[in-house]
Every structure is written in structure tokens, then in C-alpha cells.
């Protein structure tokens, strides 16, 4: 729709989902720079259900996390992880 403040994932004006390369006048939300570059990336996907016991043990030994963060992690674990 041409909304100037559309973000790289969606337009807040019309709700359309966007690819960052679809933006008309892209800029960095951090620095404001319009000197942007598109880079190829590689992603690593984990089968969380296969390592759920290890994730649960890792969450349980966290002593530096806020209570809310631990509660949210436990909620996800109790509801079942999704691959």
C-alpha cells in the first residue's frame, strides 16, 4: 500500500505480510541508515522434541534467569515442544 513506516515483516497500515526486500524506502530501525545490504543466511533447526529432557535440565539449572522467564520456559515445556 506504500506505507512509509512499514516494517520488514508486515505493514501496520494494511496488515500485509512483507519481505524486507519489498519495502519501498527501507531503513535501519536502529541507526536510521538507508545504506542497507541484503545478505544470504544459513539457519540451524533443532528437533526440540528429541532433546526435551536436556532442555528441561538446562532450564532448571538457570540461576541467573528472572522468575517470569523460567515460568515461560516451563510452560512451553509442559505444553509440549514443537519441531
N, C-alpha and C. Protein backbone atom coordinates (compact mmCIF):
# COMPACT_ATOMS: atom_id res chain seq x y z
N UNK A 1 0.82 -1.20 0.00
CA UNK A 1 0.00 0.00 0.00
C UNK A 1 0.86 1.26 0.00
N UNK A 2 2.19 1.10 0.12
CA UNK A 2 3.08 2.24 0.06
C UNK A 2 3.30 2.95 1.38
N UNK A 3 2.85 2.36 2.49
CA UNK A 3 3.00 2.98 3.81
C UNK A 3 4.49 3.16 4.11
N UNK A 4 4.89 4.39 4.38
CA UNK A 4 6.30 4.75 4.58
C UNK A 4 6.94 4.06 5.77
N UNK A 5 6.15 3.78 6.82
CA UNK A 5 6.72 3.21 8.05
C UNK A 5 6.52 1.70 8.15
N UNK A 6 6.22 1.03 7.03
CA UNK A 6 6.08 -0.42 7.05
C UNK A 6 7.39 -1.04 7.51
N UNK A 7 7.27 -2.12 8.27
CA UNK A 7 8.46 -2.81 8.78
C UNK A 7 8.82 -3.95 7.84
N UNK A 8 9.90 -4.64 8.16
CA UNK A 8 10.39 -5.71 7.29
C UNK A 8 9.56 -6.97 7.32
N UNK A 9 8.58 -7.06 8.23
CA UNK A 9 7.79 -8.28 8.29
C UNK A 9 6.31 -8.06 7.94
N UNK A 10 5.81 -6.85 8.21
CA UNK A 10 4.43 -6.57 7.87
C UNK A 10 4.17 -5.07 7.82
N UNK A 11 3.10 -4.72 7.15
CA UNK A 11 2.69 -3.32 7.08
C UNK A 11 1.65 -3.07 8.17
N UNK A 12 1.93 -2.13 9.06
CA UNK A 12 0.99 -1.80 10.13
C UNK A 12 -0.22 -1.03 9.62
N UNK A 13 -0.15 -0.53 8.40
CA UNK A 13 -1.26 0.22 7.82
C UNK A 13 -2.31 -0.71 7.23
N UNK A 14 -1.88 -1.68 6.41
CA UNK A 14 -2.85 -2.56 5.74
C UNK A 14 -2.80 -4.01 6.23
N UNK A 15 -1.77 -4.36 7.01
CA UNK A 15 -1.68 -5.71 7.56
C UNK A 15 -1.02 -6.72 6.65
N UNK A 16 -0.62 -6.31 5.46
CA UNK A 16 0.01 -7.23 4.50
C UNK A 16 1.35 -7.72 5.03
N UNK A 17 1.62 -9.01 4.87
CA UNK A 17 2.92 -9.56 5.24
C UNK A 17 3.92 -9.19 4.16
N UNK A 18 5.11 -8.79 4.58
CA UNK A 18 6.12 -8.31 3.64
C UNK A 18 7.42 -9.05 3.79
N UNK A 19 8.14 -9.09 2.72
CA UNK A 19 9.53 -9.49 2.74
C UNK A 19 10.32 -8.19 2.83
N UNK A 20 11.39 -8.13 3.60
CA UNK A 20 12.13 -6.88 3.72
C UNK A 20 12.53 -6.26 2.38
N UNK A 21 12.76 -7.09 1.37
CA UNK A 21 13.15 -6.55 0.06
C UNK A 21 11.98 -5.90 -0.67
N UNK A 22 10.74 -6.07 -0.16
CA UNK A 22 9.57 -5.45 -0.77
C UNK A 22 9.37 -4.00 -0.34
N UNK A 23 10.09 -3.55 0.69
CA UNK A 23 9.91 -2.20 1.21
C UNK A 23 10.34 -1.17 0.18
N UNK A 24 9.58 -0.10 0.07
CA UNK A 24 9.87 0.94 -0.92
C UNK A 24 11.08 1.78 -0.53
N UNK A 25 11.17 2.19 0.72
CA UNK A 25 12.28 3.01 1.21
C UNK A 25 12.81 2.41 2.50
N UNK A 26 13.50 1.27 2.41
CA UNK A 26 13.95 0.60 3.65
C UNK A 26 14.98 1.43 4.40
N UNK A 27 14.94 1.29 5.73
CA UNK A 27 15.93 1.95 6.58
C UNK A 27 16.11 1.13 7.85
N UNK A 28 17.23 1.31 8.47
CA UNK A 28 17.53 0.61 9.72
C UNK A 28 16.75 1.24 10.86
N UNK A 29 16.03 0.42 11.61
CA UNK A 29 15.30 0.94 12.77
C UNK A 29 16.24 1.25 13.91
N UNK A 30 17.47 0.76 13.85
CA UNK A 30 18.46 1.02 14.89
C UNK A 30 19.20 2.33 14.64
N UNK A 31 19.74 2.46 13.43
CA UNK A 31 20.57 3.64 13.14
C UNK A 31 19.88 4.68 12.26
N UNK A 32 18.82 4.27 11.58
CA UNK A 32 18.15 5.17 10.65
C UNK A 32 18.80 5.20 9.28
N UNK A 33 19.90 4.49 9.12
CA UNK A 33 20.63 4.49 7.85
C UNK A 33 19.79 3.87 6.73
N UNK A 34 19.91 4.42 5.54
CA UNK A 34 19.26 3.85 4.36
C UNK A 34 20.27 3.07 3.52
N UNK A 35 21.50 2.98 4.01
CA UNK A 35 22.57 2.24 3.34
C UNK A 35 22.52 0.80 3.84
N UNK A 36 21.60 0.01 3.28
CA UNK A 36 21.36 -1.35 3.75
C UNK A 36 21.84 -2.36 2.73
N UNK A 37 22.12 -3.55 3.20
CA UNK A 37 22.51 -4.62 2.29
C UNK A 37 21.74 -5.89 2.64
N UNK A 38 21.46 -6.69 1.63
CA UNK A 38 20.78 -7.97 1.81
C UNK A 38 21.85 -9.05 1.81
N UNK A 39 21.79 -9.92 2.80
CA UNK A 39 22.78 -10.99 2.92
C UNK A 39 22.09 -12.35 2.92
N UNK A 40 22.75 -13.34 2.36
CA UNK A 40 22.27 -14.71 2.48
C UNK A 40 22.59 -15.20 3.89
N UNK A 41 21.69 -15.98 4.44
CA UNK A 41 21.91 -16.53 5.78
C UNK A 41 21.68 -18.03 5.77
N UNK A 42 22.26 -18.66 6.74
CA UNK A 42 22.03 -20.09 6.96
C UNK A 42 21.39 -20.23 8.33
N UNK A 43 20.46 -21.18 8.45
CA UNK A 43 19.74 -21.37 9.70
C UNK A 43 19.92 -22.81 10.17
N UNK A 44 19.98 -22.96 11.46
CA UNK A 44 20.08 -24.27 12.08
C UNK A 44 18.77 -24.55 12.80
N UNK A 45 18.14 -25.65 12.46
CA UNK A 45 16.87 -26.02 13.09
C UNK A 45 17.11 -27.26 13.94
N UNK A 46 16.64 -27.20 15.17
CA UNK A 46 16.80 -28.32 16.10
C UNK A 46 15.47 -29.05 16.27
N UNK A 47 15.53 -30.37 16.35
CA UNK A 47 14.35 -31.15 16.67
C UNK A 47 14.21 -31.11 18.19
N UNK A 48 13.49 -30.10 18.67
CA UNK A 48 13.38 -29.86 20.10
C UNK A 48 12.80 -31.04 20.86
N UNK A 49 11.87 -31.76 20.23
CA UNK A 49 11.24 -32.87 20.92
C UNK A 49 12.25 -33.98 21.24
N UNK A 50 13.29 -34.07 20.44
CA UNK A 50 14.31 -35.11 20.67
C UNK A 50 15.23 -34.77 21.83
N UNK A 51 15.35 -33.48 22.14
CA UNK A 51 16.26 -33.07 23.21
C UNK A 51 15.52 -32.39 24.37
N UNK A 52 14.23 -32.67 24.48
CA UNK A 52 13.42 -32.05 25.54
C UNK A 52 13.99 -32.29 26.93
N UNK A 53 14.42 -33.51 27.28
CA UNK A 53 14.98 -33.70 28.63
C UNK A 53 16.20 -32.81 28.89
N UNK A 54 17.06 -32.66 27.89
CA UNK A 54 18.25 -31.82 28.05
C UNK A 54 17.86 -30.34 28.18
N UNK A 55 16.86 -29.91 27.41
CA UNK A 55 16.40 -28.53 27.52
C UNK A 55 15.81 -28.28 28.90
N UNK A 56 15.00 -29.21 29.38
CA UNK A 56 14.38 -29.08 30.70
C UNK A 56 15.46 -28.99 31.79
N UNK A 57 16.47 -29.84 31.71
CA UNK A 57 17.55 -29.83 32.70
C UNK A 57 18.31 -28.51 32.63
N UNK A 58 18.54 -28.00 31.43
CA UNK A 58 19.27 -26.75 31.26
C UNK A 58 18.47 -25.59 31.85
N UNK A 59 17.16 -25.56 31.60
CA UNK A 59 16.31 -24.51 32.17
C UNK A 59 16.32 -24.60 33.70
N UNK A 60 16.25 -25.80 34.22
CA UNK A 60 16.20 -25.99 35.67
C UNK A 60 17.44 -25.50 36.40
N UNK A 61 18.60 -25.55 35.76
CA UNK A 61 19.83 -25.11 36.45
C UNK A 61 20.12 -23.63 36.28
N UNK A 62 19.27 -22.93 35.54
CA UNK A 62 19.48 -21.48 35.35
C UNK A 62 19.23 -20.76 36.68
N UNK A 63 20.24 -20.12 37.20
CA UNK A 63 20.09 -19.35 38.43
C UNK A 63 20.07 -17.86 38.17
N UNK A 64 20.43 -17.47 36.96
CA UNK A 64 20.50 -16.04 36.62
C UNK A 64 19.28 -15.55 35.86
N UNK A 65 18.26 -16.40 35.66
CA UNK A 65 17.06 -16.01 34.95
C UNK A 65 16.04 -15.44 35.92
N UNK A 66 15.25 -14.47 35.45
CA UNK A 66 14.15 -13.97 36.26
C UNK A 66 13.08 -15.05 36.36
N UNK A 67 12.30 -14.99 37.42
CA UNK A 67 11.26 -15.99 37.67
C UNK A 67 10.29 -16.10 36.50
N UNK A 68 9.90 -14.96 35.94
CA UNK A 68 8.96 -14.99 34.82
C UNK A 68 9.54 -15.72 33.62
N UNK A 69 10.82 -15.49 33.33
CA UNK A 69 11.46 -16.16 32.19
C UNK A 69 11.45 -17.68 32.38
N UNK A 70 11.77 -18.12 33.59
CA UNK A 70 11.76 -19.56 33.88
C UNK A 70 10.34 -20.13 33.78
N UNK A 71 9.37 -19.37 34.26
CA UNK A 71 7.97 -19.83 34.20
C UNK A 71 7.51 -20.00 32.76
N UNK A 72 7.89 -19.06 31.91
CA UNK A 72 7.51 -19.14 30.49
C UNK A 72 8.18 -20.36 29.84
N UNK A 73 9.45 -20.58 30.15
CA UNK A 73 10.15 -21.74 29.59
C UNK A 73 9.49 -23.04 30.04
N UNK A 74 9.14 -23.13 31.33
CA UNK A 74 8.48 -24.34 31.84
C UNK A 74 7.10 -24.52 31.22
N UNK A 75 6.40 -23.42 30.97
CA UNK A 75 5.09 -23.51 30.33
C UNK A 75 5.22 -24.13 28.94
N UNK A 76 6.21 -23.69 28.17
CA UNK A 76 6.42 -24.26 26.84
C UNK A 76 6.78 -25.74 26.94
N UNK A 77 7.59 -26.08 27.90
CA UNK A 77 7.98 -27.48 28.07
C UNK A 77 6.77 -28.35 28.46
N UNK A 78 5.92 -27.83 29.35
CA UNK A 78 4.75 -28.59 29.78
C UNK A 78 3.73 -28.74 28.68
N UNK A 79 3.58 -27.73 27.83
CA UNK A 79 2.63 -27.79 26.72
C UNK A 79 3.12 -28.67 25.59
N UNK A 80 4.40 -28.96 25.59
CA UNK A 80 4.98 -29.79 24.55
C UNK A 80 5.67 -28.95 23.49
N UNK A 81 6.92 -29.26 23.26
CA UNK A 81 7.69 -28.53 22.27
C UNK A 81 7.26 -28.93 20.87
N UNK A 82 7.43 -28.04 19.92
CA UNK A 82 7.03 -28.28 18.54
C UNK A 82 8.26 -28.19 17.64
N UNK A 83 8.46 -29.17 16.81
CA UNK A 83 9.58 -29.16 15.86
C UNK A 83 9.21 -28.37 14.63
